[in-house]
Amino acid sequence: MRNSVTKHLFDLRHACELVIKYAGGMTYEQYVSSEPTCLIVERLLITIGEVIVRLRDTRTEPVPALKANVRGIVGVRNNMVHNYDDIDQAAIYVIITKHVPELLREVKELMAADETEARE
């Protein structure tokens, strides 16, 4: 993979790991009652959405290879950036409990395949 794609994958992996670190294992009620956690996760989801857009703009393989709900993640990112006063915490909770772990798994697989390819 090209260096910019590799950097984007590292950024994506890191942001996903942080979402899981800060919000993983929380119930919905715990999540929405923790304003600091909501703010951290919202910022990380903005980063994740932006990285996905940048990967898509490179017109290389990683984004088409992702099966996680990247369209939904980018949509939530866009909503948070442009409609800050109308953030749907229930939608965010679904993304952080279902889609982010799936995305993290897929990104790790892509990175491992890239490392294997680089060694050969």
PDB file of N, CA and C in Angstrom:
ATOM      1  N   MET A   1       0.850  -1.186   0.000  1.00  0.00           N
ATOM      2  CA  MET A   1       0.000   0.000   0.000  1.00  0.00           C
ATOM      3  C   MET A   1       0.888   1.239   0.000  1.00  0.00           C
ATOM      4  N   ARG A   2       0.342   2.297  -0.499  1.00  0.00           N
ATOM      5  CA  ARG A   2       1.089   3.552  -0.496  1.00  0.00           C
ATOM      6  C   ARG A   2       1.190   4.072   0.929  1.00  0.00           C
ATOM      7  N   ASN A   3       2.210   4.901   1.172  1.00  0.00           N
ATOM      8  CA  ASN A   3       2.443   5.422   2.519  1.00  0.00           C
ATOM      9  C   ASN A   3       1.255   6.187   3.083  1.00  0.00           C
ATOM     10  N   SER A   4       0.568   7.006   2.265  1.00  0.00           N
ATOM     11  CA  SER A   4      -0.572   7.771   2.787  1.00  0.00           C
ATOM     12  C   SER A   4      -1.704   6.836   3.205  1.00  0.00           C
ATOM     13  N   VAL A   5      -1.917   5.769   2.452  1.00  0.00           N
ATOM     14  CA  VAL A   5      -2.956   4.800   2.811  1.00  0.00           C
ATOM     15  C   VAL A   5      -2.583   4.107   4.113  1.00  0.00           C
ATOM     16  N   THR A   6      -1.322   3.730   4.245  1.00  0.00           N
ATOM     17  CA  THR A   6      -0.863   3.082   5.477  1.00  0.00           C
ATOM     18  C   THR A   6      -1.055   4.010   6.670  1.00  0.00           C
ATOM     19  N   LYS A   7      -0.714   5.289   6.515  1.00  0.00           N
ATOM     20  CA  LYS A   7      -0.895   6.253   7.599  1.00  0.00           C
ATOM     21  C   LYS A   7      -2.371   6.374   7.964  1.00  0.00           C
ATOM     22  N   HIS A   8      -3.243   6.440   6.954  1.00  0.00           N
ATOM     23  CA  HIS A   8      -4.678   6.539   7.227  1.00  0.00           C
ATOM     24  C   HIS A   8      -5.175   5.302   7.975  1.00  0.00           C
ATOM     25  N   LEU A   9      -4.679   4.132   7.596  1.00  0.00           N
ATOM     26  CA  LEU A   9      -5.082   2.911   8.297  1.00  0.00           C
ATOM     27  C   LEU A   9      -4.609   2.918   9.746  1.00  0.00           C
ATOM     28  N   PHE A  10      -3.395   3.415   9.995  1.00  0.00           N
ATOM     29  CA  PHE A  10      -2.916   3.542  11.379  1.00  0.00           C
ATOM     30  C   PHE A  10      -3.811   4.497  12.163  1.00  0.00           C
ATOM     31  N   ASP A  11      -4.148   5.639  11.558  1.00  0.00           N
ATOM     32  CA  ASP A  11      -5.017   6.613  12.231  1.00  0.00           C
ATOM     33  C   ASP A  11      -6.390   6.015  12.514  1.00  0.00           C
ATOM     34  N   LEU A  12      -6.904   5.273  11.555  1.00  0.00           N
ATOM     35  CA  LEU A  12      -8.215   4.642  11.712  1.00  0.00           C
ATOM     36  C   LEU A  12      -8.185   3.612  12.831  1.00  0.00           C
ATOM     37  N   ARG A  13      -7.153   2.793  12.841  1.00  0.00           N
ATOM     38  CA  ARG A  13      -7.028   1.788  13.895  1.00  0.00           C
ATOM     39  C   ARG A  13      -6.939   2.445  15.269  1.00  0.00           C
ATOM     40  N   HIS A  14      -6.123   3.484  15.380  1.00  0.00           N
ATOM     41  CA  HIS A  14      -5.941   4.160  16.660  1.00  0.00           C
ATOM     42  C   HIS A  14      -7.243   4.776  17.167  1.00  0.00           C
ATOM     43  N   ALA A  15      -7.971   5.450  16.285  1.00  0.00           N
ATOM     44  CA  ALA A  15      -9.234   6.066  16.695  1.00  0.00           C
ATOM     45  C   ALA A  15     -10.254   5.005  17.122  1.00  0.00           C
ATOM     46  N   CYS A  16     -10.324   3.904  16.389  1.00  0.00           N
ATOM     47  CA  CYS A  16     -11.240   2.817  16.761  1.00  0.00           C
ATOM     48  C   CYS A  16     -10.862   2.236  18.125  1.00  0.00           C
ATOM     49  N   GLU A  17      -9.570   2.034  18.336  1.00  0.00           N
ATOM     50  CA  GLU A  17      -9.115   1.497  19.624  1.00  0.00           C
ATOM     51  C   GLU A  17      -9.478   2.429  20.772  1.00  0.00           C
ATOM     52  N   LEU A  18      -9.362   3.736  20.547  1.00  0.00           N
ATOM     53  CA  LEU A  18      -9.715   4.692  21.595  1.00  0.00           C
ATOM     54  C   LEU A  18     -11.211   4.711  21.877  1.00  0.00           C
ATOM     55  N   VAL A  19     -12.032   4.590  20.842  1.00  0.00           N
ATOM     56  CA  VAL A  19     -13.481   4.511  21.055  1.00  0.00           C
ATOM     57  C   VAL A  19     -13.793   3.325  21.958  1.00  0.00           C
ATOM     58  N   ILE A  20     -13.192   2.196  21.654  1.00  0.00           N
ATOM     59  CA  ILE A  20     -13.448   0.988  22.451  1.00  0.00           C
ATOM     60  C   ILE A  20     -12.894   1.152  23.867  1.00  0.00           C
ATOM     61  N   LYS A  21     -11.744   1.791  23.982  1.00  0.00           N
ATOM     62  CA  LYS A  21     -11.153   2.028  25.306  1.00  0.00           C
ATOM     63  C   LYS A  21     -12.079   2.868  26.183  1.00  0.00           C
ATOM     64  N   TYR A  22     -12.629   3.933  25.624  1.00  0.00           N
ATOM     65  CA  TYR A  22     -13.425   4.858  26.427  1.00  0.00           C
ATOM     66  C   TYR A  22     -14.892   4.454  26.573  1.00  0.00           C
ATOM     67  N   ALA A  23     -15.448   3.764  25.592  1.00  0.00           N
ATOM     68  CA  ALA A  23     -16.887   3.476  25.649  1.00  0.00           C
ATOM     69  C   ALA A  23     -17.217   1.989  25.604  1.00  0.00           C
ATOM     70  N   GLY A  24     -16.238   1.152  25.345  1.00  0.00           N
ATOM     71  CA  GLY A  24     -16.496  -0.279  25.260  1.00  0.00           C
ATOM     72  C   GLY A  24     -17.037  -0.830  26.567  1.00  0.00           C
ATOM     73  N   GLY A  25     -18.039  -1.643  26.455  1.00  0.00           N
ATOM     74  CA  GLY A  25     -18.612  -2.273  27.639  1.00  0.00           C
ATOM     75  C   GLY A  25     -19.636  -1.436  28.374  1.00  0.00           C
ATOM     76  N   MET A  26     -19.827  -0.200  27.956  1.00  0.00           N
ATOM     77  CA  MET A  26     -20.837   0.648  28.617  1.00  0.00           C
ATOM     78  C   MET A  26     -22.232   0.297  28.106  1.00  0.00           C
ATOM     79  N   THR A  27     -23.189   0.366  29.001  1.00  0.00           N
ATOM     80  CA  THR A  27     -24.579   0.292  28.555  1.00  0.00           C
ATOM     81  C   THR A  27     -24.934   1.630  27.923  1.00  0.00           C
ATOM     82  N   TYR A  28     -26.060   1.649  27.226  1.00  0.00           N
ATOM     83  CA  TYR A  28     -26.511   2.909  26.626  1.00  0.00           C
ATOM     84  C   TYR A  28     -26.705   3.975  27.708  1.00  0.00           C
ATOM     85  N   GLU A  29     -27.316   3.608  28.812  1.00  0.00           N
ATOM     86  CA  GLU A  29     -27.574   4.567  29.894  1.00  0.00           C
ATOM     87  C   GLU A  29     -26.273   5.103  30.470  1.00  0.00           C
ATOM     88  N   GLN A  30     -25.284   4.230  30.648  1.00  0.00           N
ATOM     89  CA  GLN A  30     -23.982   4.677  31.145  1.00  0.00           C
ATOM     90  C   GLN A  30     -23.324   5.635  30.151  1.00  0.00           C
ATOM     91  N   TYR A  31     -23.425   5.282  28.878  1.00  0.00           N
ATOM     92  CA  TYR A  31     -22.810   6.114  27.843  1.00  0.00           C
ATOM     93  C   TYR A  31     -23.426   7.515  27.825  1.00  0.00           C
ATOM     94  N   VAL A  32     -24.743   7.609  27.703  1.00  0.00           N
ATOM     95  CA  VAL A  32     -25.367   8.927  27.569  1.00  0.00           C
ATOM     96  C   VAL A  32     -25.292   9.752  28.849  1.00  0.00           C
ATOM     97  N   SER A  33     -25.096   9.103  29.984  1.00  0.00           N
ATOM     98  CA  SER A  33     -24.994   9.867  31.230  1.00  0.00           C
ATOM     99  C   SER A  33     -23.570  10.343  31.496  1.00  0.00           C
ATOM    100  N   SER A  34     -22.624   9.949  30.662  1.00  0.00           N
ATOM    101  CA  SER A  34     -21.237  10.387  30.824  1.00  0.00           C
ATOM    102  C   SER A  34     -20.883  11.394  29.730  1.00  0.00           C
ATOM    103  N   GLU A  35     -21.078  12.664  30.051  1.00  0.00           N
ATOM    104  CA  GLU A  35     -20.795  13.707  29.057  1.00  0.00           C
ATOM    105  C   GLU A  35     -19.355  13.663  28.552  1.00  0.00           C
ATOM    106  N   PRO A  36     -18.344  13.468  29.419  1.00  0.00           N
ATOM    107  CA  PRO A  36     -16.976  13.393  28.896  1.00  0.00           C
ATOM    108  C   PRO A  36     -16.794  12.255  27.883  1.00  0.00           C
ATOM    109  N   THR A  37     -17.383  11.108  28.176  1.00  0.00           N
ATOM    110  CA  THR A  37     -17.268   9.978  27.251  1.00  0.00           C
ATOM    111  C   THR A  37     -17.948  10.305  25.933  1.00  0.00           C
ATOM    112  N   CYS A  38     -19.140  10.885  25.978  1.00  0.00           N
ATOM    113  CA  CYS A  38     -19.837  11.265  24.744  1.00  0.00           C
ATOM    114  C   CYS A  38     -18.992  12.216  23.915  1.00  0.00           C
ATOM    115  N   LEU A  39     -18.394  13.209  24.562  1.00  0.00           N
ATOM    116  CA  LEU A  39     -17.579  14.180  23.832  1.00  0.00           C
ATOM    117  C   LEU A  39     -16.343  13.531  23.213  1.00  0.00           C
ATOM    118  N   ILE A  40     -15.699  12.661  23.957  1.00  0.00           N
ATOM    119  CA  ILE A  40     -14.522  11.957  23.437  1.00  0.00           C
ATOM    120  C   ILE A  40     -14.908  11.107  22.231  1.00  0.00           C
ATOM    121  N   VAL A  41     -15.968  10.334  22.381  1.00  0.00           N
ATOM    122  CA  VAL A  41     -16.397   9.434  21.314  1.00  0.00           C
ATOM    123  C   VAL A  41     -16.836  10.221  20.084  1.00  0.00           C
ATOM    124  N   GLU A  42     -17.566  11.294  20.295  1.00  0.00           N
ATOM    125  CA  GLU A  42     -17.999  12.106  19.151  1.00  0.00           C
ATOM    126  C   GLU A  42     -16.789  12.617  18.380  1.00  0.00           C
ATOM    127  N   ARG A  43     -15.785  13.097  19.072  1.00  0.00           N
ATOM    128  CA  ARG A  43     -14.578  13.598  18.407  1.00  0.00           C
ATOM    129  C   ARG A  43     -13.872  12.480  17.658  1.00  0.00           C
ATOM    130  N   LEU A  44     -13.789  11.318  18.260  1.00  0.00           N
ATOM    131  CA  LEU A  44     -13.138  10.179  17.600  1.00  0.00           C
ATOM    132  C   LEU A  44     -13.923   9.718  16.376  1.00  0.00           C
ATOM    133  N   LEU A  45     -15.250   9.744  16.447  1.00  0.00           N
ATOM    134  CA  LEU A  45     -16.057   9.360  15.288  1.00  0.00           C
ATOM    135  C   LEU A  45     -15.909  10.359  14.143  1.00  0.00           C
ATOM    136  N   ILE A  46     -15.718  11.623  14.478  1.00  0.00           N
ATOM    137  CA  ILE A  46     -15.434  12.611  13.435  1.00  0.00           C
ATOM    138  C   ILE A  46     -14.122  12.252  12.744  1.00  0.00           C
ATOM    139  N   THR A  47     -13.121  11.890  13.527  1.00  0.00           N
ATOM    140  CA  THR A  47     -11.833  11.481  12.954  1.00  0.00           C
ATOM    141  C   THR A  47     -12.000  10.238  12.092  1.00  0.00           C
ATOM    142  N   ILE A  48     -12.694   9.239  12.601  1.00  0.00           N
ATOM    143  CA  ILE A  48     -12.902   7.995  11.848  1.00  0.00           C
ATOM    144  C   ILE A  48     -13.596   8.285  10.523  1.00  0.00           C
ATOM    145  N   GLY A  49     -14.654   9.082  10.559  1.00  0.00           N
ATOM    146  CA  GLY A  49     -15.361   9.424   9.333  1.00  0.00           C
ATOM    147  C   GLY A  49     -14.475  10.160   8.350  1.00  0.00           C
ATOM    148  N   GLU A  50     -13.662  11.075   8.846  1.00  0.00           N
ATOM    149  CA  GLU A  50     -12.766  11.829   7.970  1.00  0.00           C
ATOM    150  C   GLU A  50     -11.705  10.926   7.345  1.00  0.00           C
ATOM    151  N   VAL A  51     -11.165  10.007   8.121  1.00  0.00           N
ATOM    152  CA  VAL A  51     -10.168   9.078   7.569  1.00  0.00           C
ATOM    153  C   VAL A  51     -10.805   8.209   6.484  1.00  0.00           C
ATOM    154  N   ILE A  52     -12.015   7.744   6.720  1.00  0.00           N
ATOM    155  CA  ILE A  52     -12.703   6.926   5.714  1.00  0.00           C
ATOM    156  C   ILE A  52     -12.876   7.728   4.416  1.00  0.00           C
ATOM    157  N   VAL A  53     -13.266   8.992   4.536  1.00  0.00           N
ATOM    158  CA  VAL A  53     -13.430   9.831   3.351  1.00  0.00           C
ATOM    159  C   VAL A  53     -12.095   9.997   2.630  1.00  0.00           C
ATOM    160  N   ARG A  54     -11.031  10.228   3.390  1.00  0.00           N
ATOM    161  CA  ARG A  54      -9.712  10.386   2.762  1.00  0.00           C
ATOM    162  C   ARG A  54      -9.267   9.098   2.077  1.00  0.00           C
ATOM    163  N   LEU A  55      -9.519   7.963   2.705  1.00  0.00           N
ATOM    164  CA  LEU A  55      -9.190   6.689   2.060  1.00  0.00           C
ATOM    165  C   LEU A  55      -9.995   6.508   0.781  1.00  0.00           C
ATOM    166  N   ARG A  56     -11.266   6.841   0.842  1.00  0.00           N
ATOM    167  CA  ARG A  56     -12.117   6.728  -0.338  1.00  0.00           C
ATOM    168  C   ARG A  56     -11.610   7.632  -1.462  1.00  0.00           C
ATOM    169  N   ASP A  57     -11.143   8.818  -1.093  1.00  0.00           N
ATOM    170  CA  ASP A  57     -10.647   9.767  -2.086  1.00  0.00           C
ATOM    171  C   ASP A  57      -9.343   9.327  -2.731  1.00  0.00           C
ATOM    172  N   THR A  58      -8.601   8.416  -2.080  1.00  0.00           N
ATOM    173  CA  THR A  58      -7.355   7.932  -2.688  1.00  0.00           C
ATOM    174  C   THR A  58      -7.647   6.949  -3.814  1.00  0.00           C
ATOM    175  N   ARG A  59      -8.894   6.491  -3.883  1.00  0.00           N
ATOM    176  CA  ARG A  59      -9.341   5.542  -4.917  1.00  0.00           C
ATOM    177  C   ARG A  59      -8.475   4.275  -4.933  1.00  0.00           C
ATOM    178  N   THR A  60      -8.121   3.846  -3.751  1.00  0.00           N
ATOM    179  CA  THR A  60      -7.372   2.598  -3.638  1.00  0.00           C
ATOM    180  C   THR A  60      -8.247   1.547  -2.986  1.00  0.00           C
ATOM    181  N   GLU A  61      -7.722   0.409  -2.765  1.00  0.00           N
ATOM    182  CA  GLU A  61      -8.474  -0.761  -2.336  1.00  0.00           C
ATOM    183  C   GLU A  61      -9.088  -0.725  -0.941  1.00  0.00           C
ATOM    184  N   PRO A  62      -8.488  -0.104   0.086  1.00  0.00           N
ATOM    185  CA  PRO A  62      -9.011  -0.314   1.448  1.00  0.00           C
ATOM    186  C   PRO A  62     -10.489  -0.055   1.650  1.00  0.00           C
ATOM    187  N   VAL A  63     -11.027   1.054   1.185  1.00  0.00           N
ATOM    188  CA  VAL A  63     -12.432   1.349   1.473  1.00  0.00           C
ATOM    189  C   VAL A  63     -13.370   0.342   0.830  1.00  0.00           C
ATOM    190  N   PRO A  64     -13.194  -0.012  -0.457  1.00  0.00           N
ATOM    191  CA  PRO A  64     -14.082  -1.042  -1.008  1.00  0.00           C
ATOM    192  C   PRO A  64     -13.979  -2.377  -0.270  1.00  0.00           C
ATOM    193  N   ALA A  65     -12.817  -2.649   0.339  1.00  0.00           N
ATOM    194  CA  ALA A  65     -12.630  -3.910   1.050  1.00  0.00           C
ATOM    195  C   ALA A  65     -13.336  -3.920   2.405  1.00  0.00           C
ATOM    196  N   LEU A  66     -13.667  -2.757   2.944  1.00  0.00           N
ATOM    197  CA  LEU A  66     -14.293  -2.692   4.258  1.00  0.00           C
ATOM    198  C   LEU A  66     -15.765  -3.061   4.165  1.00  0.00           C
ATOM    199  N   LYS A  67     -16.180  -3.952   5.040  1.00  0.00           N
ATOM    200  CA  LYS A  67     -17.571  -4.377   5.055  1.00  0.00           C
ATOM    201  C   LYS A  67     -18.352  -3.733   6.197  1.00  0.00           C
ATOM    202  N   ALA A  68     -17.639  -3.105   7.125  1.00  0.00           N
ATOM    203  CA  ALA A  68     -18.304  -2.395   8.219  1.00  0.00           C
ATOM    204  C   ALA A  68     -19.156  -1.279   7.617  1.00  0.00           C
ATOM    205  N   ASN A  69     -20.065  -0.771   8.382  1.00  0.00           N
ATOM    206  CA  ASN A  69     -20.993   0.259   7.910  1.00  0.00           C
ATOM    207  C   ASN A  69     -20.290   1.608   7.791  1.00  0.00           C
ATOM    208  N   VAL A  70     -19.354   1.710   6.836  1.00  0.00           N
ATOM    209  CA  VAL A  70     -18.605   2.953   6.687  1.00  0.00           C
ATOM    210  C   VAL A  70     -19.506   4.098   6.217  1.00  0.00           C
ATOM    211  N   ARG A  71     -20.500   3.794   5.404  1.00  0.00           N
ATOM    212  CA  ARG A  71     -21.421   4.846   4.951  1.00  0.00           C
ATOM    213  C   ARG A  71     -22.172   5.433   6.150  1.00  0.00           C
ATOM    214  N   GLY A  72     -22.624   4.580   7.058  1.00  0.00           N
ATOM    215  CA  GLY A  72     -23.324   5.060   8.252  1.00  0.00           C
ATOM    216  C   GLY A  72     -22.418   5.866   9.164  1.00  0.00           C
ATOM    217  N   ILE A  73     -21.162   5.439   9.294  1.00  0.00           N
ATOM    218  CA  ILE A  73     -20.199   6.157  10.136  1.00  0.00           C
ATOM    219  C   ILE A  73     -19.940   7.543   9.547  1.00  0.00           C
ATOM    220  N   VAL A  74     -19.728   7.617   8.240  1.00  0.00           N
ATOM    221  CA  VAL A  74     -19.497   8.911   7.595  1.00  0.00           C
ATOM    222  C   VAL A  74     -20.745   9.788   7.726  1.00  0.00           C
ATOM    223  N   GLY A  75     -21.916   9.199   7.608  1.00  0.00           N
ATOM    224  CA  GLY A  75     -23.154   9.964   7.763  1.00  0.00           C
ATOM    225  C   GLY A  75     -23.292  10.560   9.152  1.00  0.00           C
ATOM    226  N   VAL A  76     -22.964   9.784  10.177  1.00  0.00           N
ATOM    227  CA  VAL A  76     -23.021  10.296  11.552  1.00  0.00           C
ATOM    228  C   VAL A  76     -21.972  11.390  11.745  1.00  0.00           C
ATOM    229  N   ARG A  77     -20.794  11.176  11.158  1.00  0.00           N
ATOM    230  CA  ARG A  77     -19.748  12.207  11.225  1.00  0.00           C
ATOM    231  C   ARG A  77     -20.244  13.504  10.620  1.00  0.00           C
ATOM    232  N   ASN A  78     -20.843  13.425   9.446  1.00  0.00           N
ATOM    233  CA  ASN A  78     -21.340  14.625   8.783  1.00  0.00           C
ATOM    234  C   ASN A  78     -22.412  15.317   9.615  1.00  0.00           C
ATOM    235  N   ASN A  79     -23.284  14.534  10.212  1.00  0.00           N
ATOM    236  CA  ASN A  79     -24.327  15.108  11.054  1.00  0.00           C
ATOM    237  C   ASN A  79     -23.736  15.818  12.269  1.00  0.00           C
ATOM    238  N   MET A  80     -22.738  15.210  12.901  1.00  0.00           N
ATOM    239  CA  MET A  80     -22.135  15.832  14.079  1.00  0.00           C
ATOM    240  C   MET A  80     -21.432  17.141  13.720  1.00  0.00           C
ATOM    241  N   VAL A  81     -20.778  17.156  12.568  1.00  0.00           N
ATOM    242  CA  VAL A  81     -20.042  18.350  12.159  1.00  0.00           C
ATOM    243  C   VAL A  81     -20.999  19.475  11.747  1.00  0.00           C
ATOM    244  N   HIS A  82     -22.055  19.135  11.025  1.00  0.00           N
ATOM    245  CA  HIS A  82     -22.921  20.165  10.460  1.00  0.00           C
ATOM    246  C   HIS A  82     -24.189  20.427  11.264  1.00  0.00           C
ATOM    247  N   ASN A  83     -24.576  19.505  12.121  1.00  0.00           N
ATOM    248  CA  ASN A  83     -25.784  19.659  12.940  1.00  0.00           C
ATOM    249  C   ASN A  83     -25.461  19.333  14.392  1.00  0.00           C
ATOM    250  N   TYR A  84     -24.496  20.041  14.936  1.00  0.00           N
ATOM    251  CA  TYR A  84     -24.021  19.756  16.285  1.00  0.00           C
ATOM    252  C   TYR A  84     -25.127  19.745  17.332  1.00  0.00           C
ATOM    253  N   ASP A  85     -26.208  20.459  17.067  1.00  0.00           N
ATOM    254  CA  ASP A  85     -27.283  20.556  18.050  1.00  0.00           C
ATOM    255  C   ASP A  85     -28.342  19.467  17.895  1.00  0.00           C
ATOM    256  N   ASP A  86     -28.092  18.526  16.994  1.00  0.00           N
ATOM    257  CA  ASP A  86     -29.056  17.449  16.744  1.00  0.00           C
ATOM    258  C   ASP A  86     -28.329  16.105  16.645  1.00  0.00           C
ATOM    259  N   ILE A  87     -27.546  15.793  17.659  1.00  0.00           N
ATOM    260  CA  ILE A  87     -26.764  14.557  17.647  1.00  0.00           C
ATOM    261  C   ILE A  87     -27.613  13.430  18.226  1.00  0.00           C
ATOM    262  N   ASP A  88     -27.716  12.354  17.465  1.00  0.00           N
ATOM    263  CA  ASP A  88     -28.513  11.193  17.852  1.00  0.00           C
ATOM    264  C   ASP A  88     -27.623  10.209  18.620  1.00  0.00           C
ATOM    265  N   GLN A  89     -27.670  10.282  19.941  1.00  0.00           N
ATOM    266  CA  GLN A  89     -26.808   9.429  20.763  1.00  0.00           C
ATOM    267  C   GLN A  89     -27.138   7.951  20.585  1.00  0.00           C
ATOM    268  N   ALA A  90     -28.370   7.621  20.289  1.00  0.00           N
ATOM    269  CA  ALA A  90     -28.723   6.213  20.068  1.00  0.00           C
ATOM    270  C   ALA A  90     -28.017   5.684  18.823  1.00  0.00           C
ATOM    271  N   ALA A  91     -27.965   6.483  17.766  1.00  0.00           N
ATOM    272  CA  ALA A  91     -27.260   6.072  16.543  1.00  0.00           C
ATOM    273  C   ALA A  91     -25.761   5.948  16.806  1.00  0.00           C
ATOM    274  N   ILE A  92     -25.224   6.872  17.570  1.00  0.00           N
ATOM    275  CA  ILE A  92     -23.801   6.805  17.912  1.00  0.00           C
ATOM    276  C   ILE A  92     -23.518   5.555  18.730  1.00  0.00           C
ATOM    277  N   TYR A  93     -24.398   5.241  19.664  1.00  0.00           N
ATOM    278  CA  TYR A  93     -24.186   4.050  20.500  1.00  0.00           C
ATOM    279  C   TYR A  93     -24.170   2.777  19.653  1.00  0.00           C
ATOM    280  N   VAL A  94     -25.037   2.680  18.679  1.00  0.00           N
ATOM    281  CA  VAL A  94     -25.029   1.513  17.780  1.00  0.00           C
ATOM    282  C   VAL A  94     -23.709   1.447  17.030  1.00  0.00           C
ATOM    283  N   ILE A  95     -23.249   2.573  16.562  1.00  0.00           N
ATOM    284  CA  ILE A  95     -21.982   2.592  15.820  1.00  0.00           C
ATOM    285  C   ILE A  95     -20.826   2.164  16.716  1.00  0.00           C
ATOM    286  N   ILE A  96     -20.777   2.675  17.941  1.00  0.00           N
ATOM    287  CA  ILE A  96     -19.622   2.343  18.786  1.00  0.00           C
ATOM    288  C   ILE A  96     -19.674   0.918  19.324  1.00  0.00           C
ATOM    289  N   THR A  97     -20.861   0.350  19.427  1.00  0.00           N
ATOM    290  CA  THR A  97     -20.938  -1.019  19.953  1.00  0.00           C
ATOM    291  C   THR A  97     -20.912  -2.076  18.864  1.00  0.00           C
ATOM    292  N   LYS A  98     -21.352  -1.728  17.663  1.00  0.00           N
ATOM    293  CA  LYS A  98     -21.425  -2.719  16.590  1.00  0.00           C
ATOM    294  C   LYS A  98     -20.421  -2.455  15.472  1.00  0.00           C
ATOM    295  N   HIS A  99     -20.442  -1.266  14.917  1.00  0.00           N
ATOM    296  CA  HIS A  99     -19.679  -0.991  13.707  1.00  0.00           C
ATOM    297  C   HIS A  99     -18.202  -0.693  13.961  1.00  0.00           C
ATOM    298  N   VAL A 100     -17.882   0.013  15.033  1.00  0.00           N
ATOM    299  CA  VAL A 100     -16.473   0.320  15.298  1.00  0.00           C
ATOM    300  C   VAL A 100     -15.663  -0.945  15.580  1.00  0.00           C
ATOM    301  N   PRO A 101     -16.145  -1.873  16.413  1.00  0.00           N
ATOM    302  CA  PRO A 101     -15.367  -3.109  16.598  1.00  0.00           C
ATOM    303  C   PRO A 101     -15.183  -3.891  15.291  1.00  0.00           C
ATOM    304  N   GLU A 102     -16.216  -3.918  14.457  1.00  0.00           N
ATOM    305  CA  GLU A 102     -16.107  -4.592  13.163  1.00  0.00           C
ATOM    306  C   GLU A 102     -15.092  -3.874  12.270  1.00  0.00           C
ATOM    307  N   LEU A 103     -15.148  -2.556  12.246  1.00  0.00           N
ATOM    308  CA  LEU A 103     -14.200  -1.771  11.458  1.00  0.00           C
ATOM    309  C   LEU A 103     -12.777  -1.995  11.949  1.00  0.00           C
ATOM    310  N   LEU A 104     -12.583  -2.008  13.251  1.00  0.00           N
ATOM    311  CA  LEU A 104     -11.252  -2.239  13.811  1.00  0.00           C
ATOM    312  C   LEU A 104     -10.709  -3.599  13.375  1.00  0.00           C
ATOM    313  N   ARG A 105     -11.533  -4.616  13.440  1.00  0.00           N
ATOM    314  CA  ARG A 105     -11.102  -5.956  13.013  1.00  0.00           C
ATOM    315  C   ARG A 105     -10.670  -5.939  11.555  1.00  0.00           C
ATOM    316  N   GLU A 106     -11.471  -5.305  10.705  1.00  0.00           N
ATOM    317  CA  GLU A 106     -11.162  -5.256   9.280  1.00  0.00           C
ATOM    318  C   GLU A 106      -9.887  -4.464   8.999  1.00  0.00           C
ATOM    319  N   VAL A 107      -9.703  -3.355   9.690  1.00  0.00           N
ATOM    320  CA  VAL A 107      -8.501  -2.544   9.493  1.00  0.00           C
ATOM    321  C   VAL A 107      -7.261  -3.329   9.920  1.00  0.00           C
ATOM    322  N   LYS A 108      -7.350  -4.034  11.029  1.00  0.00           N
ATOM    323  CA  LYS A 108      -6.221  -4.856  11.470  1.00  0.00           C
ATOM    324  C   LYS A 108      -5.891  -5.933  10.440  1.00  0.00           C
ATOM    325  N   GLU A 109      -6.915  -6.524   9.845  1.00  0.00           N
ATOM    326  CA  GLU A 109      -6.683  -7.538   8.807  1.00  0.00           C
ATOM    327  C   GLU A 109      -6.001  -6.923   7.584  1.00  0.00           C
ATOM    328  N   LEU A 110      -6.451  -5.735   7.168  1.00  0.00           N
ATOM    329  CA  LEU A 110      -5.833  -5.050   6.036  1.00  0.00           C
ATOM    330  C   LEU A 110      -4.373  -4.725   6.326  1.00  0.00           C
ATOM    331  N   MET A 111      -4.107  -4.261   7.545  1.00  0.00           N
ATOM    332  CA  MET A 111      -2.739  -3.900   7.909  1.00  0.00           C
ATOM    333  C   MET A 111      -1.848  -5.140   7.975  1.00  0.00           C
ATOM    334  N   ALA A 112      -2.381  -6.227   8.492  1.00  0.00           N
ATOM    335  CA  ALA A 112      -1.599  -7.472   8.554  1.00  0.00           C
ATOM    336  C   ALA A 112      -1.295  -7.984   7.152  1.00  0.00           C
ATOM    337  N   ALA A 113      -2.272  -7.901   6.259  1.00  0.00           N
ATOM    338  CA  ALA A 113      -2.053  -8.337   4.880  1.00  0.00           C
ATOM    339  C   ALA A 113      -1.011  -7.450   4.210  1.00  0.00           C
ATOM    340  N   ASP A 114      -1.037  -6.162   4.492  1.00  0.00           N
ATOM    341  CA  ASP A 114      -0.072  -5.237   3.928  1.00  0.00           C
ATOM    342  C   ASP A 114       1.333  -5.554   4.440  1.00  0.00           C
ATOM    343  N   GLU A 115       1.455  -5.866   5.727  1.00  0.00           N
ATOM    344  CA  GLU A 115       2.753  -6.221   6.293  1.00  0.00           C
ATOM    345  C   GLU A 115       3.281  -7.517   5.676  1.00  0.00           C
ATOM    346  N   THR A 116       2.415  -8.486   5.482  1.00  0.00           N
ATOM    347  CA  THR A 116       2.816  -9.749   4.869  1.00  0.00           C
ATOM    348  C   THR A 116       3.281  -9.498   3.439  1.00  0.00           C
ATOM    349  N   GLU A 117       2.535  -8.677   2.710  1.00  0.00           N
ATOM    350  CA  GLU A 117       2.887  -8.362   1.328  1.00  0.00           C
ATOM    351  C   GLU A 117       4.231  -7.643   1.249  1.00  0.00           C
ATOM    352  N   ALA A 118       4.489  -6.755   2.205  1.00  0.00           N
ATOM    353  CA  ALA A 118       5.737  -5.995   2.209  1.00  0.00           C
ATOM    354  C   ALA A 118       6.938  -6.898   2.482  1.00  0.00           C
ATOM    355  N   ARG A 119       6.731  -7.957   3.270  1.00  0.00           N
ATOM    356  CA  ARG A 119       7.840  -8.881   3.586  1.00  0.00           C
ATOM    357  C   ARG A 119       8.166  -9.809   2.428  1.00  0.00           C
ATOM    358  N   GLU A 120       7.231 -10.024   1.546  1.00  0.00           N
ATOM    359  CA  GLU A 120       7.439 -11.006   0.453  1.00  0.00           C
ATOM    360  C   GLU A 120       8.197 -10.424  -0.691  1.00  0.00           C
TER     361      GLU A 120
END
